[in-house]
Amino acid sequence: MSTAGRQTPTTTGDEPVGVLVSRASQQISELVREEMQLARSEMAEKGRRFGKGGGLFGAAGFVGILAAQALVATCIAALALALPLWAAALIVTAVLAAVAGAAALAGKKQIARAGAPAPEQTIDSVKADLAEVKERAHR
């Protein structure tokens, strides 16, 4: 719960209702502001991870296109010339394909680390806050 560091003032039981309502309103307002800040920071982190993953997938696509172009060049070289030229082109094709595979796996890992695009910590914290409010209301 996000209220862990917050001090709750003790009441003596003889405070006017207006003061108690005012204090409760202030505390609820503060709680909502803190929960919104937590949601904002959590969503920013997820956005960064999705951005990284998307960029890596883009890089994988670009390098994959280069690998396809190199494969075409390899086929042309194999048909037109003797072994050394097309063998060199085949090695370049294999290296580009390996780079594309590595970038795709790294992008997939980043997307998986980001998780669902929802502020899960904030949702859990709000649920805990609501449970505590309900518990205190029934006392």
C-alpha atoms as a PDB file:
ATOM      1  CA  MET A   1       0.000   0.000   0.000  1.00  0.00           C
ATOM      2  CA  SER A   2       1.338   3.440  -0.832  1.00  0.00           C
ATOM      3  CA  THR A   3       0.466   4.792   2.610  1.00  0.00           C
ATOM      4  CA  ALA A   4       3.394   2.961   4.227  1.00  0.00           C
ATOM      5  CA  GLY A   5       5.442   6.101   4.854  1.00  0.00           C
ATOM      6  CA  ARG A   6       2.487   8.270   5.819  1.00  0.00           C
ATOM      7  CA  GLN A   7       1.781   9.156   9.449  1.00  0.00           C
ATOM      8  CA  THR A   8      -1.859   8.892  10.513  1.00  0.00           C
ATOM      9  CA  PRO A   9      -2.611  11.377  13.320  1.00  0.00           C
ATOM     10  CA  THR A  10      -4.222   9.933  16.402  1.00  0.00           C
ATOM     11  CA  THR A  11      -7.600  11.233  17.404  1.00  0.00           C
ATOM     12  CA  THR A  12      -8.805  11.743  20.926  1.00  0.00           C
ATOM     13  CA  GLY A  13     -12.418  11.021  20.051  1.00  0.00           C
ATOM     14  CA  ASP A  14     -13.669  14.473  21.070  1.00  0.00           C
ATOM     15  CA  GLU A  15     -12.845  16.349  17.858  1.00  0.00           C
ATOM     16  CA  PRO A  16     -15.719  17.991  15.990  1.00  0.00           C
ATOM     17  CA  VAL A  17     -17.162  16.127  13.028  1.00  0.00           C
ATOM     18  CA  GLY A  18     -16.237  18.993  10.716  1.00  0.00           C
ATOM     19  CA  VAL A  19     -12.555  18.624  11.611  1.00  0.00           C
ATOM     20  CA  LEU A  20     -12.704  14.869  11.093  1.00  0.00           C
ATOM     21  CA  VAL A  21     -14.437  15.265   7.712  1.00  0.00           C
ATOM     22  CA  SER A  22     -11.927  17.915   6.687  1.00  0.00           C
ATOM     23  CA  ARG A  23      -9.004  15.700   7.717  1.00  0.00           C
ATOM     24  CA  ALA A  24     -10.487  12.699   5.897  1.00  0.00           C
ATOM     25  CA  SER A  25     -11.017  14.772   2.769  1.00  0.00           C
ATOM     26  CA  GLN A  26      -7.429  16.006   2.893  1.00  0.00           C
ATOM     27  CA  GLN A  27      -6.074  12.484   3.406  1.00  0.00           C
ATOM     28  CA  ILE A  28      -8.168  11.073   0.553  1.00  0.00           C
ATOM     29  CA  SER A  29      -6.991  13.869  -1.723  1.00  0.00           C
ATOM     30  CA  GLU A  30      -3.368  13.169  -0.789  1.00  0.00           C
ATOM     31  CA  LEU A  31      -3.881   9.439  -1.311  1.00  0.00           C
ATOM     32  CA  VAL A  32      -5.382   9.983  -4.777  1.00  0.00           C
ATOM     33  CA  ARG A  33      -2.476  12.275  -5.759  1.00  0.00           C
ATOM     34  CA  GLU A  34       0.063   9.673  -4.606  1.00  0.00           C
ATOM     35  CA  GLU A  35      -1.731   6.879  -6.448  1.00  0.00           C
ATOM     36  CA  MET A  36      -1.810   8.955  -9.637  1.00  0.00           C
ATOM     37  CA  GLN A  37       1.932   9.643  -9.308  1.00  0.00           C
ATOM     38  CA  LEU A  38       2.591   5.918  -8.834  1.00  0.00           C
ATOM     39  CA  ALA A  39       0.483   5.074 -11.897  1.00  0.00           C
ATOM     40  CA  ARG A  40       2.267   7.746 -13.951  1.00  0.00           C
ATOM     41  CA  SER A  41       5.744   6.464 -13.044  1.00  0.00           C
ATOM     42  CA  GLU A  42       4.732   2.831 -13.596  1.00  0.00           C
ATOM     43  CA  MET A  43       3.273   3.566 -17.029  1.00  0.00           C
ATOM     44  CA  ALA A  44       6.386   5.574 -17.996  1.00  0.00           C
ATOM     45  CA  GLU A  45       8.576   2.567 -17.179  1.00  0.00           C
ATOM     46  CA  LYS A  46       6.343   0.257 -19.208  1.00  0.00           C
ATOM     47  CA  GLY A  47       6.382   2.732 -22.090  1.00  0.00           C
ATOM     48  CA  ARG A  48      10.183   2.752 -22.091  1.00  0.00           C
ATOM     49  CA  ARG A  49      10.278  -1.050 -22.197  1.00  0.00           C
ATOM     50  CA  PHE A  50       7.720  -1.231 -25.005  1.00  0.00           C
ATOM     51  CA  GLY A  51       9.718   1.398 -26.893  1.00  0.00           C
ATOM     52  CA  LYS A  52      12.933  -0.578 -26.532  1.00  0.00           C
ATOM     53  CA  GLY A  53      11.258  -3.794 -27.597  1.00  0.00           C
ATOM     54  CA  GLY A  54       9.613  -2.137 -30.585  1.00  0.00           C
ATOM     55  CA  GLY A  55      12.907  -0.581 -31.636  1.00  0.00           C
ATOM     56  CA  LEU A  56      14.661  -3.927 -31.433  1.00  0.00           C
ATOM     57  CA  PHE A  57      11.894  -5.548 -33.508  1.00  0.00           C
ATOM     58  CA  GLY A  58      12.336  -2.758 -36.050  1.00  0.00           C
ATOM     59  CA  ALA A  59      16.072  -3.401 -36.125  1.00  0.00           C
ATOM     60  CA  ALA A  60      15.409  -7.113 -36.584  1.00  0.00           C
ATOM     61  CA  GLY A  61      13.160  -6.355 -39.567  1.00  0.00           C
ATOM     62  CA  PHE A  62      15.720  -4.037 -41.137  1.00  0.00           C
ATOM     63  CA  VAL A  63      18.570  -6.511 -40.710  1.00  0.00           C
ATOM     64  CA  GLY A  64      16.283  -9.271 -41.984  1.00  0.00           C
ATOM     65  CA  ILE A  65      15.709  -7.282 -45.183  1.00  0.00           C
ATOM     66  CA  LEU A  66      19.462  -6.866 -45.529  1.00  0.00           C
ATOM     67  CA  ALA A  67      19.862 -10.628 -45.087  1.00  0.00           C
ATOM     68  CA  ALA A  68      17.322 -11.260 -47.842  1.00  0.00           C
ATOM     69  CA  GLN A  69      19.153  -8.854 -50.144  1.00  0.00           C
ATOM     70  CA  ALA A  70      22.441 -10.567 -49.366  1.00  0.00           C
ATOM     71  CA  LEU A  71      20.856 -13.945 -50.105  1.00  0.00           C
ATOM     72  CA  VAL A  72      19.738 -12.670 -53.508  1.00  0.00           C
ATOM     73  CA  ALA A  73      23.257 -11.375 -54.160  1.00  0.00           C
ATOM     74  CA  THR A  74      24.588 -14.767 -53.072  1.00  0.00           C
ATOM     75  CA  CYS A  75      22.387 -16.561 -55.576  1.00  0.00           C
ATOM     76  CA  ILE A  76      23.433 -14.199 -58.352  1.00  0.00           C
ATOM     77  CA  ALA A  77      27.113 -14.581 -57.468  1.00  0.00           C
ATOM     78  CA  ALA A  78      26.778 -18.357 -57.272  1.00  0.00           C
ATOM     79  CA  LEU A  79      25.287 -18.498 -60.721  1.00  0.00           C
ATOM     80  CA  ALA A  80      27.690 -16.002 -62.295  1.00  0.00           C
ATOM     81  CA  LEU A  81      31.055 -16.815 -60.797  1.00  0.00           C
ATOM     82  CA  ALA A  82      33.135 -19.502 -59.235  1.00  0.00           C
ATOM     83  CA  LEU A  83      33.040 -20.665 -55.621  1.00  0.00           C
ATOM     84  CA  PRO A  84      35.023 -17.980 -53.738  1.00  0.00           C
ATOM     85  CA  LEU A  85      32.679 -15.046 -54.513  1.00  0.00           C
ATOM     86  CA  TRP A  86      29.436 -16.743 -53.632  1.00  0.00           C
ATOM     87  CA  ALA A  87      31.005 -18.417 -50.599  1.00  0.00           C
ATOM     88  CA  ALA A  88      31.912 -14.973 -49.275  1.00  0.00           C
ATOM     89  CA  ALA A  89      28.401 -13.696 -49.977  1.00  0.00           C
ATOM     90  CA  LEU A  90      26.941 -16.721 -48.203  1.00  0.00           C
ATOM     91  CA  ILE A  91      29.027 -15.992 -45.106  1.00  0.00           C
ATOM     92  CA  VAL A  92      27.754 -12.377 -45.068  1.00  0.00           C
ATOM     93  CA  THR A  93      24.192 -13.634 -45.423  1.00  0.00           C
ATOM     94  CA  ALA A  94      24.646 -16.014 -42.479  1.00  0.00           C
ATOM     95  CA  VAL A  95      26.069 -13.259 -40.279  1.00  0.00           C
ATOM     96  CA  LEU A  96      23.224 -10.857 -41.123  1.00  0.00           C
ATOM     97  CA  ALA A  97      20.649 -13.562 -40.428  1.00  0.00           C
ATOM     98  CA  ALA A  98      22.275 -14.266 -37.043  1.00  0.00           C
ATOM     99  CA  VAL A  99      22.154 -10.552 -36.169  1.00  0.00           C
ATOM    100  CA  ALA A 100      18.472 -10.394 -37.142  1.00  0.00           C
ATOM    101  CA  GLY A 101      17.719 -13.425 -34.971  1.00  0.00           C
ATOM    102  CA  ALA A 102      19.551 -11.953 -31.984  1.00  0.00           C
ATOM    103  CA  ALA A 103      17.743  -8.608 -32.335  1.00  0.00           C
ATOM    104  CA  ALA A 104      14.373 -10.367 -32.606  1.00  0.00           C
ATOM    105  CA  LEU A 105      15.033 -12.389 -29.452  1.00  0.00           C
ATOM    106  CA  ALA A 106      16.174  -9.274 -27.572  1.00  0.00           C
ATOM    107  CA  GLY A 107      13.032  -7.403 -28.706  1.00  0.00           C
ATOM    108  CA  LYS A 108      10.791 -10.263 -27.636  1.00  0.00           C
ATOM    109  CA  LYS A 109      12.491 -10.323 -24.232  1.00  0.00           C
ATOM    110  CA  GLN A 110      11.925  -6.559 -23.774  1.00  0.00           C
ATOM    111  CA  ILE A 111       8.242  -6.864 -24.690  1.00  0.00           C
ATOM    112  CA  ALA A 112       7.826  -9.798 -22.300  1.00  0.00           C
ATOM    113  CA  ARG A 113       9.536  -7.847 -19.472  1.00  0.00           C
ATOM    114  CA  ALA A 114       7.193  -4.904 -19.952  1.00  0.00           C
ATOM    115  CA  GLY A 115       4.165  -7.083 -19.172  1.00  0.00           C
ATOM    116  CA  ALA A 116       0.584  -5.990 -19.583  1.00  0.00           C
ATOM    117  CA  PRO A 117       0.080  -2.289 -20.365  1.00  0.00           C
ATOM    118  CA  ALA A 118      -1.668  -1.618 -17.054  1.00  0.00           C
ATOM    119  CA  PRO A 119      -0.321  -0.016 -13.857  1.00  0.00           C
ATOM    120  CA  GLU A 120      -0.401  -3.262 -11.842  1.00  0.00           C
ATOM    121  CA  GLN A 121       1.317  -1.901  -8.727  1.00  0.00           C
ATOM    122  CA  THR A 122      -1.081   1.023  -8.607  1.00  0.00           C
ATOM    123  CA  ILE A 123      -4.102  -1.242  -9.042  1.00  0.00           C
ATOM    124  CA  ASP A 124      -2.903  -3.465  -6.187  1.00  0.00           C
ATOM    125  CA  SER A 125      -2.226  -0.423  -4.008  1.00  0.00           C
ATOM    126  CA  VAL A 126      -5.677   1.069  -4.669  1.00  0.00           C
ATOM    127  CA  LYS A 127      -7.322  -2.270  -3.874  1.00  0.00           C
ATOM    128  CA  ALA A 128      -5.421  -2.419  -0.591  1.00  0.00           C
ATOM    129  CA  ASP A 129      -6.404   1.183   0.193  1.00  0.00           C
ATOM    130  CA  LEU A 130     -10.072   0.430  -0.503  1.00  0.00           C
ATOM    131  CA  ALA A 131      -9.943  -2.676   1.671  1.00  0.00           C
ATOM    132  CA  GLU A 132      -8.497  -0.665   4.547  1.00  0.00           C
ATOM    133  CA  VAL A 133     -11.097   2.082   4.147  1.00  0.00           C
ATOM    134  CA  LYS A 134     -13.890  -0.520   4.176  1.00  0.00           C
ATOM    135  CA  GLU A 135     -12.356  -2.187   7.241  1.00  0.00           C
ATOM    136  CA  ARG A 136     -12.144   1.106   9.125  1.00  0.00           C
ATOM    137  CA  ALA A 137     -15.692   2.045   8.099  1.00  0.00           C
ATOM    138  CA  HIS A 138     -17.057  -1.157   9.683  1.00  0.00           C
ATOM    139  CA  ARG A 139     -15.365  -0.527  13.052  1.00  0.00           C
END
